[in-house]
Amino acid sequence: MLNALDDLPACAGCGQCCHLLVELTPLVDDVPEEFVVEHSGVRCMDQHGDGACVALDPVSRLCSIYERRPQVCRDFQRAEALCRRAILRGYGPYGTAPDAAGIAPAPVA
């Protein structure tokens, strides 16, 4: 029997969570300024037109500022509900990858 983590793709190289809006924590996050944008007075990680974080390397799908990544990224847990939703959203409702990986749909809240 597989555990919940076995049902998901490996974190490294996935990058689906890097398409979520990341709010920076004042006095905690030490992100290089060129990666930061302000939305309605809130500092966030900037995103490309496709929604990907500007720190996500498009080839390796790894964080280019891993050692200085925001606290919310450090705290993000593989296999939690938000992770599963990000993966399903990234592959799309008609994609074959989630089924092939054995990923169950996220519960509707």
Protein backbone atom coordinates (compact mmCIF):
# COMPACT_ATOMS: atom_id res chain seq x y z
CA MET A 1 0.00 0.00 0.00
CA LEU A 2 1.33 3.43 -0.95
CA ASN A 3 1.45 6.29 1.52
CA ALA A 4 0.22 9.80 0.68
CA LEU A 5 3.68 10.96 -0.40
CA ASP A 6 4.12 8.03 -2.77
CA ASP A 7 1.00 9.21 -4.60
CA LEU A 8 2.58 12.55 -5.52
CA PRO A 9 5.38 13.54 -7.85
CA ALA A 10 8.66 14.46 -6.17
CA CYS A 11 8.84 18.08 -5.03
CA ALA A 12 12.11 18.83 -6.80
CA GLY A 13 11.32 19.69 -10.39
CA CYS A 14 7.54 19.89 -9.92
CA GLY A 15 7.12 23.63 -9.36
CA GLN A 16 3.31 23.67 -9.26
CA CYS A 17 3.29 25.33 -5.83
CA CYS A 18 5.44 28.07 -7.40
CA HIS A 19 2.33 29.22 -9.28
CA LEU A 20 0.59 30.30 -6.07
CA LEU A 21 0.71 33.94 -4.96
CA VAL A 22 3.30 34.25 -2.18
CA GLU A 23 2.90 37.06 0.34
CA LEU A 24 6.17 38.03 1.99
CA THR A 25 6.47 38.19 5.77
CA PRO A 26 7.84 41.56 6.95
CA LEU A 27 11.07 41.38 8.96
CA VAL A 28 11.37 37.65 8.21
CA ASP A 29 11.84 37.22 4.47
CA ASP A 30 15.14 38.27 2.90
CA VAL A 31 14.19 37.93 -0.76
CA PRO A 32 16.22 39.90 -3.34
CA GLU A 33 14.25 43.05 -4.26
CA GLU A 34 14.24 42.26 -7.99
CA PHE A 35 11.89 39.33 -7.21
CA VAL A 36 9.41 41.45 -5.21
CA VAL A 37 6.28 43.31 -6.30
CA GLU A 38 3.68 45.16 -4.24
CA HIS A 39 -0.06 44.41 -4.52
CA SER A 40 -2.35 46.82 -2.64
CA GLY A 41 0.40 47.59 -0.13
CA VAL A 42 1.36 43.94 0.38
CA ARG A 43 4.81 42.75 -0.70
CA CYS A 44 4.65 39.53 -2.72
CA MET A 45 6.87 37.43 -4.94
CA ASP A 46 6.55 38.67 -8.52
CA GLN A 47 5.08 36.31 -11.11
CA HIS A 48 5.50 35.79 -14.83
CA GLY A 49 2.50 36.07 -17.16
CA ASP A 50 1.80 32.35 -16.75
CA GLY A 51 1.60 32.78 -12.96
CA ALA A 52 4.97 31.18 -12.22
CA CYS A 53 7.10 32.77 -9.54
CA VAL A 54 9.97 34.75 -11.06
CA ALA A 55 12.38 32.73 -8.90
CA LEU A 56 11.29 29.44 -10.51
CA ASP A 57 13.88 28.35 -13.05
CA PRO A 58 11.87 27.39 -16.17
CA VAL A 59 14.29 24.64 -17.20
CA SER A 60 15.14 22.88 -13.94
CA ARG A 61 11.82 23.85 -12.27
CA LEU A 62 13.83 24.56 -9.10
CA CYS A 63 13.93 27.74 -7.01
CA SER A 64 16.74 30.03 -8.13
CA ILE A 65 16.83 31.68 -4.68
CA TYR A 66 16.36 28.51 -2.63
CA GLU A 67 18.58 29.64 0.26
CA ARG A 68 16.69 32.96 0.45
CA ARG A 69 13.20 31.71 -0.43
CA PRO A 70 10.26 33.14 1.55
CA GLN A 71 9.23 31.56 4.84
CA VAL A 72 5.88 30.48 3.39
CA CYS A 73 7.80 28.46 0.78
CA ARG A 74 9.97 26.90 3.51
CA ASP A 75 6.85 25.93 5.46
CA PHE A 76 4.92 24.53 2.48
CA GLN A 77 4.35 20.80 2.99
CA ARG A 78 4.32 18.24 0.23
CA ALA A 79 1.03 16.31 0.12
CA GLU A 80 -1.03 18.91 2.02
CA ALA A 81 -4.32 19.92 0.41
CA LEU A 82 -2.89 23.09 -1.14
CA CYS A 83 -0.09 21.04 -2.74
CA ARG A 84 -2.58 18.62 -4.27
CA ARG A 85 -4.74 21.47 -5.58
CA ALA A 86 -1.71 23.19 -7.12
CA ILE A 87 -0.73 19.96 -8.88
CA LEU A 88 -4.25 19.33 -10.18
CA ARG A 89 -4.60 22.95 -11.33
CA GLY A 90 -1.23 22.76 -13.08
CA TYR A 91 -2.09 19.63 -15.01
CA GLY A 92 -5.63 20.80 -15.71
CA PRO A 93 -8.89 18.95 -15.23
CA TYR A 94 -8.40 16.91 -18.41
CA GLY A 95 -4.69 16.16 -17.97
CA THR A 96 -3.50 12.59 -17.70
CA ALA A 97 -0.60 13.20 -15.33
CA PRO A 98 -2.60 13.30 -12.06
CA ASP A 99 -4.27 9.98 -12.82
CA ALA A 100 -0.98 8.43 -13.85
CA ALA A 101 0.59 9.63 -10.60
CA GLY A 102 -2.34 8.32 -8.55
CA ILE A 103 -3.27 11.78 -7.29
CA ALA A 104 -6.73 11.94 -5.76
CA PRO A 105 -8.75 15.10 -6.43
CA ALA A 106 -8.65 17.67 -3.64
CA PRO A 107 -11.79 17.83 -1.52
CA VAL A 108 -14.09 20.71 -2.37
CA ALA A 109 -14.34 23.12 0.55
